[in-house]
Amino acid sequence: PTSTAAGLGALIQRNLHPPSAPSKTLIRFLDRIASSYGAPILDAPCGFGRNALPLANKGFNVIAVDKNLVRLNSLQKSISEKTHAVGKVFPICADLAKGRLPFGPRSFSAILCIHYPLQNILADFDDRLMDGGHLFIETFGGHGGNYLELPKADEVRQALKGYKFLLYNERPVGPI
């Protein structure tokens, strides 16, 4: 299976489950991310909830934002099927590419942005993150022509100069 939106749509149509395992890197840094917990965690875009649901199971409240109603409906169904979660997931439909996020300044103790071209929303994330909070960014791998949507070399680091990086790893992608 691919990680493209079209590929996920095809998985749903064939009644297969979309990828459900949370980000391995997120799980590796979860204790660090949780150390600033005091307000909800923003998962944007959340997709089918592969990261939001495990966080809720660990007791965190998660605001899960995505523009795709099919994904949000699937997430809502998963939420209603889970009765043992300690935290809650609140799905919200919003398009990250259009305008600002519908939340006030310093609303989140952590923000997750996984597999999304985030260059245009970094300032919005920075405004929504509480002082001392954690911003977790994981871009998608460069496959085919999608490398054109990835941040340029060192672009994320430069945009977040005031942040302390716990891990920063980038590799070249695209045509050689």
C-alpha atoms as a PDB file:
ATOM      1  CA  PRO A   1       0.000   0.000   0.000  1.00  0.00           C
ATOM      2  CA  THR A   2       1.101   3.521  -0.687  1.00  0.00           C
ATOM      3  CA  SER A   3       0.857   6.507   1.613  1.00  0.00           C
ATOM      4  CA  THR A   4      -0.811   8.752  -0.945  1.00  0.00           C
ATOM      5  CA  ALA A   5      -4.347  10.044  -0.510  1.00  0.00           C
ATOM      6  CA  ALA A   6      -5.432   8.178  -3.639  1.00  0.00           C
ATOM      7  CA  GLY A   7      -3.870   4.978  -2.295  1.00  0.00           C
ATOM      8  CA  LEU A   8      -5.688   5.317   1.020  1.00  0.00           C
ATOM      9  CA  GLY A   9      -8.956   5.957  -0.790  1.00  0.00           C
ATOM     10  CA  ALA A  10      -8.433   2.731  -2.707  1.00  0.00           C
ATOM     11  CA  LEU A  11      -7.804   0.861   0.532  1.00  0.00           C
ATOM     12  CA  ILE A  12     -11.121   2.050   1.939  1.00  0.00           C
ATOM     13  CA  GLN A  13     -13.021   1.104  -1.196  1.00  0.00           C
ATOM     14  CA  ARG A  14     -11.655  -2.442  -0.996  1.00  0.00           C
ATOM     15  CA  ASN A  15     -12.690  -2.627   2.683  1.00  0.00           C
ATOM     16  CA  LEU A  16      -9.100  -2.836   3.827  1.00  0.00           C
ATOM     17  CA  HIS A  17      -7.858  -0.872   6.801  1.00  0.00           C
ATOM     18  CA  PRO A  18      -5.684   2.201   6.280  1.00  0.00           C
ATOM     19  CA  PRO A  19      -2.279   2.260   7.998  1.00  0.00           C
ATOM     20  CA  SER A  20      -2.951   2.151  11.720  1.00  0.00           C
ATOM     21  CA  ALA A  21       0.419   1.900  13.409  1.00  0.00           C
ATOM     22  CA  PRO A  22       1.516   5.176  15.002  1.00  0.00           C
ATOM     23  CA  SER A  23       4.741   6.853  13.963  1.00  0.00           C
ATOM     24  CA  LYS A  24       7.649   4.899  15.452  1.00  0.00           C
ATOM     25  CA  THR A  25       9.600   8.106  15.992  1.00  0.00           C
ATOM     26  CA  LEU A  26       6.639   9.707  17.775  1.00  0.00           C
ATOM     27  CA  ILE A  27       6.373   6.725  20.124  1.00  0.00           C
ATOM     28  CA  ARG A  28      10.142   6.914  20.731  1.00  0.00           C
ATOM     29  CA  PHE A  29       9.820  10.566  21.829  1.00  0.00           C
ATOM     30  CA  LEU A  30       6.419  10.312  23.510  1.00  0.00           C
ATOM     31  CA  ASP A  31       7.762  10.631  27.068  1.00  0.00           C
ATOM     32  CA  ARG A  32       9.540  13.840  26.072  1.00  0.00           C
ATOM     33  CA  ILE A  33       6.467  15.204  24.286  1.00  0.00           C
ATOM     34  CA  ALA A  34       4.265  14.266  27.240  1.00  0.00           C
ATOM     35  CA  SER A  35       6.561  16.094  29.661  1.00  0.00           C
ATOM     36  CA  SER A  36       4.975  19.392  28.597  1.00  0.00           C
ATOM     37  CA  TYR A  37       1.405  18.062  28.732  1.00  0.00           C
ATOM     38  CA  GLY A  38      -1.082  20.404  30.361  1.00  0.00           C
ATOM     39  CA  ALA A  39      -3.260  21.323  27.417  1.00  0.00           C
ATOM     40  CA  PRO A  40      -4.534  19.263  24.498  1.00  0.00           C
ATOM     41  CA  ILE A  41      -2.236  17.918  21.802  1.00  0.00           C
ATOM     42  CA  LEU A  42      -2.930  18.975  18.219  1.00  0.00           C
ATOM     43  CA  ASP A  43      -2.602  16.283  15.547  1.00  0.00           C
ATOM     44  CA  ALA A  44      -2.796  18.090  12.205  1.00  0.00           C
ATOM     45  CA  PRO A  45      -3.403  16.577   9.775  1.00  0.00           C
ATOM     46  CA  CYS A  46      -4.643  13.540  11.644  1.00  0.00           C
ATOM     47  CA  GLY A  47      -5.745  11.333   8.747  1.00  0.00           C
ATOM     48  CA  PHE A  48      -7.454   8.238  10.108  1.00  0.00           C
ATOM     49  CA  GLY A  49      -6.140   8.862  13.635  1.00  0.00           C
ATOM     50  CA  ARG A  50      -3.163   6.512  13.650  1.00  0.00           C
ATOM     51  CA  ASN A  51      -1.378   8.851  16.097  1.00  0.00           C
ATOM     52  CA  ALA A  52      -4.345  10.499  17.853  1.00  0.00           C
ATOM     53  CA  LEU A  53      -5.937   7.243  19.026  1.00  0.00           C
ATOM     54  CA  PRO A  54      -2.822   5.795  20.704  1.00  0.00           C
ATOM     55  CA  LEU A  55      -2.238   9.145  22.438  1.00  0.00           C
ATOM     56  CA  ALA A  56      -5.805   9.107  23.788  1.00  0.00           C
ATOM     57  CA  ASN A  57      -5.257   5.530  24.966  1.00  0.00           C
ATOM     58  CA  LYS A  58      -2.322   6.863  26.992  1.00  0.00           C
ATOM     59  CA  GLY A  59      -4.501   9.521  28.630  1.00  0.00           C
ATOM     60  CA  PHE A  60      -3.964  12.569  26.427  1.00  0.00           C
ATOM     61  CA  ASN A  61      -6.708  14.757  24.987  1.00  0.00           C
ATOM     62  CA  VAL A  62      -6.099  15.228  21.277  1.00  0.00           C
ATOM     63  CA  ILE A  63      -7.600  17.708  18.837  1.00  0.00           C
ATOM     64  CA  ALA A  64      -7.498  15.822  15.532  1.00  0.00           C
ATOM     65  CA  VAL A  65      -7.702  18.108  12.485  1.00  0.00           C
ATOM     66  CA  ASP A  66      -8.061  17.027   8.870  1.00  0.00           C
ATOM     67  CA  LYS A  67      -9.852  18.349   5.788  1.00  0.00           C
ATOM     68  CA  ASN A  68     -10.900  14.901   4.551  1.00  0.00           C
ATOM     69  CA  LEU A  69     -14.364  13.974   5.823  1.00  0.00           C
ATOM     70  CA  VAL A  70     -13.933  10.301   4.897  1.00  0.00           C
ATOM     71  CA  ARG A  71     -10.904  10.117   7.177  1.00  0.00           C
ATOM     72  CA  LEU A  72     -12.606  12.076   9.963  1.00  0.00           C
ATOM     73  CA  ASN A  73     -15.706   9.852   9.768  1.00  0.00           C
ATOM     74  CA  SER A  74     -13.481   6.787   9.979  1.00  0.00           C
ATOM     75  CA  LEU A  75     -11.734   8.329  12.986  1.00  0.00           C
ATOM     76  CA  GLN A  76     -15.091   9.117  14.625  1.00  0.00           C
ATOM     77  CA  LYS A  77     -16.127   5.484  14.146  1.00  0.00           C
ATOM     78  CA  SER A  78     -12.869   4.307  15.724  1.00  0.00           C
ATOM     79  CA  ILE A  79     -13.424   6.670  18.651  1.00  0.00           C
ATOM     80  CA  SER A  80     -16.926   5.317  19.266  1.00  0.00           C
ATOM     81  CA  GLU A  81     -15.639   1.716  19.159  1.00  0.00           C
ATOM     82  CA  LYS A  82     -12.936   2.352  21.765  1.00  0.00           C
ATOM     83  CA  THR A  83     -14.319   2.298  25.278  1.00  0.00           C
ATOM     84  CA  HIS A  84     -11.053   1.974  27.204  1.00  0.00           C
ATOM     85  CA  ALA A  85      -9.372   5.236  26.178  1.00  0.00           C
ATOM     86  CA  VAL A  86      -8.481   7.442  29.123  1.00  0.00           C
ATOM     87  CA  GLY A  87      -8.057  10.591  27.032  1.00  0.00           C
ATOM     88  CA  LYS A  88     -10.376  11.918  24.354  1.00  0.00           C
ATOM     89  CA  VAL A  89     -10.028  12.630  20.647  1.00  0.00           C
ATOM     90  CA  PHE A  90     -11.950  15.573  19.207  1.00  0.00           C
ATOM     91  CA  PRO A  91     -12.089  15.456  15.379  1.00  0.00           C
ATOM     92  CA  ILE A  92     -12.350  18.815  13.610  1.00  0.00           C
ATOM     93  CA  CYS A  93     -12.651  19.457   9.885  1.00  0.00           C
ATOM     94  CA  ALA A  94     -10.284  22.214   8.757  1.00  0.00           C
ATOM     95  CA  ASP A  95      -8.039  22.712   5.762  1.00  0.00           C
ATOM     96  CA  LEU A  96      -4.483  23.444   6.874  1.00  0.00           C
ATOM     97  CA  ALA A  97      -3.682  24.949   3.494  1.00  0.00           C
ATOM     98  CA  LYS A  98      -6.383  27.636   3.747  1.00  0.00           C
ATOM     99  CA  GLY A  99      -6.049  30.350   6.331  1.00  0.00           C
ATOM    100  CA  ARG A 100      -5.201  30.024   9.969  1.00  0.00           C
ATOM    101  CA  LEU A 101      -6.068  27.233  12.341  1.00  0.00           C
ATOM    102  CA  PRO A 102      -9.315  27.844  14.248  1.00  0.00           C
ATOM    103  CA  PHE A 103      -7.667  27.936  17.691  1.00  0.00           C
ATOM    104  CA  GLY A 104      -6.398  30.673  19.948  1.00  0.00           C
ATOM    105  CA  PRO A 105      -2.757  31.425  20.652  1.00  0.00           C
ATOM    106  CA  ARG A 106      -0.876  29.033  22.943  1.00  0.00           C
ATOM    107  CA  SER A 107      -3.701  26.447  22.868  1.00  0.00           C
ATOM    108  CA  PHE A 108      -1.607  23.272  22.700  1.00  0.00           C
ATOM    109  CA  SER A 109       1.085  21.649  24.811  1.00  0.00           C
ATOM    110  CA  ALA A 110       2.281  19.698  21.764  1.00  0.00           C
ATOM    111  CA  ILE A 111       1.633  19.798  18.040  1.00  0.00           C
ATOM    112  CA  LEU A 112       2.118  16.825  15.738  1.00  0.00           C
ATOM    113  CA  CYS A 113       2.489  17.331  12.007  1.00  0.00           C
ATOM    114  CA  ILE A 114       3.178  14.037  10.312  1.00  0.00           C
ATOM    115  CA  HIS A 115       3.459  13.476   6.564  1.00  0.00           C
ATOM    116  CA  TYR A 116       2.318  16.924   5.471  1.00  0.00           C
ATOM    117  CA  PRO A 117       4.128  19.663   3.516  1.00  0.00           C
ATOM    118  CA  LEU A 118       4.257  22.094   6.424  1.00  0.00           C
ATOM    119  CA  GLN A 119       6.252  25.055   5.129  1.00  0.00           C
ATOM    120  CA  ASN A 120       3.226  27.368   4.950  1.00  0.00           C
ATOM    121  CA  ILE A 121       1.799  26.536   8.387  1.00  0.00           C
ATOM    122  CA  LEU A 122       4.892  26.610  10.591  1.00  0.00           C
ATOM    123  CA  ALA A 123       4.186  30.157  11.789  1.00  0.00           C
ATOM    124  CA  ASP A 124       0.611  29.148  12.659  1.00  0.00           C
ATOM    125  CA  PHE A 125       1.878  26.146  14.623  1.00  0.00           C
ATOM    126  CA  ASP A 126       4.394  28.341  16.427  1.00  0.00           C
ATOM    127  CA  ASP A 127       1.589  30.728  17.455  1.00  0.00           C
ATOM    128  CA  ARG A 128      -0.622  27.876  18.748  1.00  0.00           C
ATOM    129  CA  LEU A 129       2.088  26.114  20.794  1.00  0.00           C
ATOM    130  CA  MET A 130       2.354  26.880  24.521  1.00  0.00           C
ATOM    131  CA  ASP A 131       5.672  28.064  25.911  1.00  0.00           C
ATOM    132  CA  GLY A 132       7.712  24.972  26.760  1.00  0.00           C
ATOM    133  CA  GLY A 133       5.608  22.839  24.410  1.00  0.00           C
ATOM    134  CA  HIS A 134       6.844  20.380  21.824  1.00  0.00           C
ATOM    135  CA  LEU A 135       6.484  20.515  18.062  1.00  0.00           C
ATOM    136  CA  PHE A 136       6.827  17.099  16.420  1.00  0.00           C
ATOM    137  CA  ILE A 137       7.378  17.174  12.664  1.00  0.00           C
ATOM    138  CA  GLU A 138       7.851  14.137  10.475  1.00  0.00           C
ATOM    139  CA  THR A 139       7.756  14.658   6.733  1.00  0.00           C
ATOM    140  CA  PHE A 140       6.956  11.998   4.174  1.00  0.00           C
ATOM    141  CA  GLY A 141       9.724  10.256   2.269  1.00  0.00           C
ATOM    142  CA  GLY A 142      10.749  11.492  -1.170  1.00  0.00           C
ATOM    143  CA  HIS A 143       9.143   9.126  -3.674  1.00  0.00           C
ATOM    144  CA  GLY A 144       8.573   9.931  -7.321  1.00  0.00           C
ATOM    145  CA  GLY A 145       7.726  13.595  -7.815  1.00  0.00           C
ATOM    146  CA  ASN A 146       6.475  14.285  -4.278  1.00  0.00           C
ATOM    147  CA  TYR A 147       9.916  15.579  -3.331  1.00  0.00           C
ATOM    148  CA  LEU A 148       8.766  18.889  -4.827  1.00  0.00           C
ATOM    149  CA  GLU A 149       6.400  19.324  -1.842  1.00  0.00           C
ATOM    150  CA  LEU A 150       9.052  18.605   0.779  1.00  0.00           C
ATOM    151  CA  PRO A 151      10.829  21.428   2.597  1.00  0.00           C
ATOM    152  CA  LYS A 152      14.084  22.542   1.006  1.00  0.00           C
ATOM    153  CA  ALA A 153      17.339  21.623   2.732  1.00  0.00           C
ATOM    154  CA  ASP A 154      17.531  23.297   6.170  1.00  0.00           C
ATOM    155  CA  GLU A 155      14.222  25.169   5.597  1.00  0.00           C
ATOM    156  CA  VAL A 156      12.517  23.780   8.716  1.00  0.00           C
ATOM    157  CA  ARG A 157      15.532  24.383  10.939  1.00  0.00           C
ATOM    158  CA  GLN A 158      15.768  27.989   9.763  1.00  0.00           C
ATOM    159  CA  ALA A 159      12.039  28.593  10.263  1.00  0.00           C
ATOM    160  CA  LEU A 160      12.292  27.308  13.845  1.00  0.00           C
ATOM    161  CA  LYS A 161      15.504  29.043  14.947  1.00  0.00           C
ATOM    162  CA  GLY A 162      14.192  29.662  18.463  1.00  0.00           C
ATOM    163  CA  TYR A 163      13.510  25.981  19.114  1.00  0.00           C
ATOM    164  CA  LYS A 164      15.759  23.442  20.773  1.00  0.00           C
ATOM    165  CA  PHE A 165      15.913  20.378  18.514  1.00  0.00           C
ATOM    166  CA  LEU A 166      15.827  16.985  20.207  1.00  0.00           C
ATOM    167  CA  LEU A 167      16.352  15.261  16.865  1.00  0.00           C
ATOM    168  CA  TYR A 168      16.809  16.725  13.409  1.00  0.00           C
ATOM    169  CA  ASN A 169      17.450  14.495  10.467  1.00  0.00           C
ATOM    170  CA  GLU A 170      17.128  15.288   6.807  1.00  0.00           C
ATOM    171  CA  ARG A 171      18.365  13.590   3.706  1.00  0.00           C
ATOM    172  CA  PRO A 172      18.564  14.626   0.074  1.00  0.00           C
ATOM    173  CA  VAL A 173      15.675  13.571  -2.191  1.00  0.00           C
ATOM    174  CA  GLY A 174      14.784  14.196  -5.797  1.00  0.00           C
ATOM    175  CA  PRO A 175      16.637  13.789  -9.050  1.00  0.00           C
ATOM    176  CA  ILE A 176      20.386  13.609  -8.923  1.00  0.00           C
END
